[in-house]
N, C-alpha and C. Protein backbone atom coordinates (compact mmCIF):
# COMPACT_ATOMS: atom_id res chain seq x y z
N MET A 1 96.52 201.48 -38.43
CA MET A 1 95.82 200.18 -37.97
C MET A 1 95.29 199.69 -39.33
N ALA A 2 95.19 200.35 -40.26
CA ALA A 2 94.35 199.93 -41.38
C ALA A 2 95.47 198.87 -42.15
N LYS A 3 94.62 197.79 -42.52
CA LYS A 3 95.55 196.93 -43.39
C LYS A 3 95.53 197.16 -44.82
N HIS A 4 96.48 197.48 -45.34
CA HIS A 4 96.57 197.62 -46.94
C HIS A 4 96.69 196.41 -47.63
N LEU A 5 96.11 196.38 -48.69
CA LEU A 5 96.30 195.37 -49.82
C LEU A 5 97.79 195.23 -50.35
N THR A 6 98.36 194.32 -50.50
CA THR A 6 99.62 194.08 -51.03
C THR A 6 99.38 193.50 -52.46
N PRO A 7 100.36 193.88 -53.40
CA PRO A 7 100.31 193.27 -54.80
C PRO A 7 99.91 191.83 -54.72
N VAL A 8 100.84 191.22 -53.77
CA VAL A 8 100.86 189.71 -53.90
C VAL A 8 99.41 189.19 -53.15
N LEU A 9 98.82 189.97 -52.30
CA LEU A 9 97.45 189.46 -51.87
C LEU A 9 96.52 189.71 -52.67
N LEU A 10 96.68 190.72 -53.74
CA LEU A 10 95.67 190.93 -54.79
C LEU A 10 95.80 189.99 -55.82
N THR A 11 97.06 189.41 -56.22
CA THR A 11 97.01 188.54 -57.22
C THR A 11 96.42 187.00 -56.70
N HIS A 12 96.67 186.81 -55.30
CA HIS A 12 96.05 185.84 -54.59
C HIS A 12 94.56 185.69 -54.53
N LEU A 13 93.96 186.94 -54.41
CA LEU A 13 92.49 187.24 -54.25
C LEU A 13 91.95 186.72 -55.92
N ALA A 14 92.79 187.49 -57.00
CA ALA A 14 92.34 187.42 -58.26
C ALA A 14 92.26 185.83 -58.50
N GLU A 15 93.26 185.10 -58.14
CA GLU A 15 93.25 183.65 -58.56
C GLU A 15 92.32 182.83 -57.69
N MET A 16 91.92 183.17 -56.30
CA MET A 16 90.84 182.61 -55.80
C MET A 16 89.52 182.91 -56.36
N ALA A 17 89.32 184.05 -56.89
CA ALA A 17 88.01 184.54 -57.62
C ALA A 17 87.94 183.98 -59.05
N ARG A 18 89.13 183.43 -59.49
CA ARG A 18 89.24 182.95 -60.74
C ARG A 18 89.04 184.15 -61.89
N LEU A 19 89.78 185.28 -61.64
CA LEU A 19 89.79 186.38 -62.37
C LEU A 19 91.23 186.40 -62.99
N SER A 20 91.12 186.90 -64.05
CA SER A 20 92.49 186.96 -65.05
C SER A 20 92.61 188.56 -65.32
N LEU A 21 93.32 189.26 -64.50
CA LEU A 21 93.36 190.78 -64.40
C LEU A 21 94.70 191.18 -65.56
N SER A 22 94.49 192.02 -66.06
CA SER A 22 95.69 192.60 -66.90
C SER A 22 96.32 193.51 -65.83
N PRO A 23 97.73 193.89 -66.33
CA PRO A 23 98.38 194.67 -65.43
C PRO A 23 97.71 196.27 -64.99
N LYS A 24 97.11 196.66 -65.93
CA LYS A 24 96.27 197.89 -65.91
C LYS A 24 95.20 197.63 -64.91
N GLU A 25 94.36 196.45 -64.90
CA GLU A 25 93.52 196.24 -64.31
C GLU A 25 93.86 195.92 -62.76
N LYS A 26 94.73 195.37 -62.51
CA LYS A 26 95.68 194.97 -61.23
C LYS A 26 95.86 196.46 -60.42
N LYS A 27 96.31 197.27 -61.29
CA LYS A 27 96.84 198.73 -60.89
C LYS A 27 95.52 199.49 -60.14
N GLU A 28 94.44 199.24 -61.13
CA GLU A 28 93.21 199.95 -60.71
C GLU A 28 92.53 199.31 -59.50
N PHE A 29 92.47 197.99 -59.53
CA PHE A 29 91.81 197.30 -58.44
C PHE A 29 92.63 197.59 -57.05
N PHE A 30 94.15 197.55 -57.23
CA PHE A 30 94.98 197.73 -56.18
C PHE A 30 94.54 199.14 -55.63
N LYS A 31 94.55 200.19 -56.14
CA LYS A 31 94.15 201.50 -55.88
C LYS A 31 92.70 201.46 -55.21
N ASP A 32 91.71 201.20 -55.71
CA ASP A 32 90.44 200.99 -55.50
C ASP A 32 90.33 200.15 -54.27
N LEU A 33 90.73 199.13 -54.18
CA LEU A 33 90.59 198.15 -52.90
C LEU A 33 91.10 198.98 -51.67
N ASN A 34 92.35 199.47 -51.99
CA ASN A 34 92.87 200.08 -50.82
C ASN A 34 92.10 201.19 -50.14
N LYS A 35 91.58 202.15 -51.01
CA LYS A 35 90.69 203.00 -50.58
C LYS A 35 89.49 202.50 -49.84
N ILE A 36 88.99 201.53 -50.22
CA ILE A 36 87.79 201.03 -49.73
C ILE A 36 88.19 200.40 -48.28
N LEU A 37 89.33 199.79 -48.12
CA LEU A 37 89.94 199.27 -47.08
C LEU A 37 90.01 200.49 -45.90
N GLU A 38 90.59 201.57 -46.51
CA GLU A 38 90.88 202.74 -45.55
C GLU A 38 89.44 203.21 -45.16
N ALA A 39 88.48 203.26 -46.05
CA ALA A 39 87.30 203.81 -45.70
C ALA A 39 86.57 203.00 -44.43
N PHE A 40 86.65 201.70 -44.72
CA PHE A 40 86.14 200.85 -43.54
C PHE A 40 87.13 200.92 -42.17
N SER A 41 88.49 201.17 -42.58
CA SER A 41 89.17 201.51 -41.38
C SER A 41 88.66 202.69 -40.46
N GLU A 42 88.22 203.86 -41.23
CA GLU A 42 87.63 204.93 -40.59
C GLU A 42 86.40 204.75 -40.11
N ILE A 43 85.56 203.92 -40.61
CA ILE A 43 84.20 203.48 -40.12
C ILE A 43 84.46 202.92 -38.82
N LYS A 44 85.54 201.95 -38.87
CA LYS A 44 85.59 201.01 -37.40
C LYS A 44 86.08 201.94 -36.42
N LYS A 45 86.78 203.06 -36.83
CA LYS A 45 87.21 203.99 -35.55
C LYS A 45 86.03 204.73 -34.94
N VAL A 46 85.12 204.94 -35.59
CA VAL A 46 83.87 205.87 -35.04
C VAL A 46 82.83 204.87 -34.62
N SER A 47 82.59 203.58 -35.04
CA SER A 47 81.66 202.74 -34.82
C SER A 47 81.73 202.41 -33.62
N SER A 48 80.81 202.46 -32.50
CA SER A 48 80.63 201.54 -31.50
C SER A 48 79.58 201.28 -30.87
N VAL A 49 79.19 200.30 -29.96
CA VAL A 49 77.70 200.08 -29.45
C VAL A 49 77.00 201.43 -28.95
N ARG A 50 77.79 202.29 -28.48
CA ARG A 50 76.93 203.47 -28.02
C ARG A 50 76.49 204.23 -29.20
N HIS A 51 77.25 204.21 -30.19
CA HIS A 51 76.92 205.12 -31.28
C HIS A 51 75.50 204.38 -32.12
N LEU A 52 75.51 203.36 -32.06
CA LEU A 52 74.47 202.37 -32.65
C LEU A 52 73.33 202.04 -32.18
N ALA A 53 73.51 202.49 -30.72
CA ALA A 53 72.36 202.16 -29.93
C ALA A 53 71.08 202.98 -30.32
N SER A 54 69.95 202.33 -30.11
CA SER A 54 68.66 203.00 -30.45
C SER A 54 68.58 204.26 -29.52
N GLY A 55 67.75 205.18 -30.05
CA GLY A 55 67.37 206.43 -29.30
C GLY A 55 66.17 206.12 -28.17
N SER A 56 65.36 204.99 -28.72
CA SER A 56 64.37 204.85 -27.79
C SER A 56 64.51 203.27 -27.34
N VAL A 57 65.16 202.89 -26.03
CA VAL A 57 65.27 201.69 -25.44
C VAL A 57 64.17 201.07 -25.01
N VAL A 58 63.64 199.77 -25.40
CA VAL A 58 62.62 199.09 -24.75
C VAL A 58 63.20 197.78 -24.04
N LYS A 59 62.48 197.76 -22.84
CA LYS A 59 62.88 196.71 -22.13
C LYS A 59 62.29 195.33 -22.48
N LEU A 60 62.78 194.45 -22.42
CA LEU A 60 62.19 192.96 -22.76
C LEU A 60 60.67 192.75 -22.34
N SER A 61 60.64 193.38 -20.92
CA SER A 61 59.39 193.23 -20.14
C SER A 61 58.22 193.94 -20.83
N GLN A 62 58.59 195.13 -21.66
CA GLN A 62 57.74 195.64 -22.14
C GLN A 62 57.19 195.36 -23.63
N LEU A 63 57.82 194.30 -24.16
CA LEU A 63 57.25 193.52 -25.39
C LEU A 63 56.11 192.85 -25.03
N LYS A 64 55.16 192.95 -26.13
CA LYS A 64 53.91 191.89 -26.05
C LYS A 64 54.49 190.43 -26.41
N PRO A 65 53.65 189.54 -25.64
CA PRO A 65 54.30 188.15 -25.68
C PRO A 65 53.58 187.86 -27.15
N LYS A 66 54.48 186.87 -27.93
CA LYS A 66 53.92 186.59 -29.33
C LYS A 66 53.08 185.45 -28.93
N LYS A 67 51.82 185.31 -29.71
CA LYS A 67 51.11 184.32 -29.62
C LYS A 67 50.09 184.29 -31.04
N ALA A 68 49.71 182.99 -31.38
CA ALA A 68 48.75 183.01 -32.78
C ALA A 68 47.39 183.46 -32.36
N VAL A 69 46.84 184.17 -33.38
CA VAL A 69 45.43 184.37 -33.21
C VAL A 69 44.89 184.21 -34.60
N SER A 70 43.65 183.82 -34.74
CA SER A 70 42.99 183.31 -35.84
C SER A 70 42.72 184.82 -36.48
N CYS A 71 42.46 184.83 -37.69
CA CYS A 71 42.08 186.10 -38.47
C CYS A 71 40.98 185.72 -39.19
N VAL A 72 39.49 186.13 -38.85
CA VAL A 72 38.59 185.96 -39.55
C VAL A 72 38.42 186.71 -40.68
N LEU A 73 39.10 187.97 -40.82
CA LEU A 73 39.16 188.71 -41.77
C LEU A 73 39.77 188.14 -43.03
N ALA A 74 40.97 187.28 -42.89
CA ALA A 74 41.70 186.66 -43.85
C ALA A 74 40.82 185.58 -44.41
N ASP A 75 40.26 185.02 -43.77
CA ASP A 75 39.14 184.05 -44.19
C ASP A 75 38.06 184.41 -44.99
N GLU A 76 37.72 185.50 -44.63
CA GLU A 76 36.48 186.23 -45.45
C GLU A 76 36.98 186.76 -46.83
N LEU A 77 38.23 187.39 -46.57
CA LEU A 77 38.91 187.91 -47.88
C LEU A 77 39.06 186.75 -48.84
N LEU A 78 39.75 185.67 -48.53
CA LEU A 78 39.83 184.33 -49.08
C LEU A 78 38.69 183.90 -49.81
N GLU A 79 37.66 183.79 -48.94
CA GLU A 79 36.20 183.25 -49.68
C GLU A 79 35.94 184.25 -50.80
N ARG A 80 36.00 185.57 -50.72
CA ARG A 80 35.83 186.39 -51.96
C ARG A 80 36.85 186.44 -53.10
N ALA A 81 38.05 185.61 -52.89
CA ALA A 81 39.28 185.87 -53.93
C ALA A 81 38.61 185.21 -55.20
N PRO A 82 38.80 185.87 -56.23
CA PRO A 82 38.30 185.29 -57.72
C PRO A 82 39.17 184.20 -57.93
N ASP A 83 40.45 183.79 -57.45
CA ASP A 83 41.12 182.79 -57.67
C ASP A 83 42.21 182.37 -56.68
N LYS A 84 41.79 181.13 -56.06
CA LYS A 84 42.59 180.77 -55.04
C LYS A 84 42.84 179.40 -54.86
N LYS A 85 43.85 178.81 -54.16
CA LYS A 85 44.51 177.49 -54.20
C LYS A 85 44.51 177.11 -52.55
N GLY A 86 43.71 176.44 -52.25
CA GLY A 86 43.78 176.05 -50.74
C GLY A 86 43.45 177.19 -50.00
N ARG A 87 44.63 177.59 -49.07
CA ARG A 87 44.54 178.95 -48.18
C ARG A 87 45.35 180.13 -48.90
N TYR A 88 45.77 179.76 -50.25
CA TYR A 88 46.42 181.04 -50.78
C TYR A 88 45.63 181.64 -51.93
N PHE A 89 45.97 183.14 -52.01
CA PHE A 89 45.72 183.94 -53.26
C PHE A 89 46.42 183.30 -54.33
N ARG A 90 45.71 183.23 -55.65
CA ARG A 90 46.47 182.77 -56.73
C ARG A 90 46.30 184.49 -57.72
N VAL A 91 47.43 184.86 -58.02
CA VAL A 91 47.78 186.08 -58.67
C VAL A 91 48.58 185.70 -60.13
N PRO A 92 48.18 186.53 -61.23
CA PRO A 92 48.98 186.46 -62.26
C PRO A 92 50.61 186.65 -62.06
N LYS A 93 51.15 185.79 -62.92
CA LYS A 93 52.55 185.83 -62.73
C LYS A 93 53.30 187.29 -63.47
N ILE A 94 53.99 187.92 -62.78
CA ILE A 94 54.58 189.16 -63.28
C ILE A 94 55.84 189.01 -64.16
N GLU A 95 55.75 189.30 -65.45
CA GLU A 95 56.82 189.16 -66.24
C GLU A 95 57.91 190.33 -66.10
N ARG A 96 59.03 190.07 -66.11
CA ARG A 96 60.19 190.94 -65.93
C ARG A 96 60.65 191.36 -67.44
N PRO A 97 60.65 192.59 -67.51
CA PRO A 97 61.34 192.82 -68.84
C PRO A 97 62.98 192.38 -68.95
N ALA A 98 63.41 191.96 -69.94
CA ALA A 98 64.75 191.44 -70.15
C ALA A 98 65.61 192.72 -70.41
């Protein structure tokens, strides 16, 4: 049932992705992608709704209705903030190392 990658399809995919693959790279990709497809085929065999169902099912009637509430605590915290802009806290920018 597993669909395997063909050399023609691999060439087409490489062209669509604008990849220029050497013959060695094509051979490696061909082997690796077929293994990946095989793995997904195995997962598909065992995956089903009953396997993925949650252990604790909650009825929709048990869920709390969503409603907006004002939060006095948030307003108090914002008042005490050393740096703010409107209703938002201002924080220093975090630089990521290159």
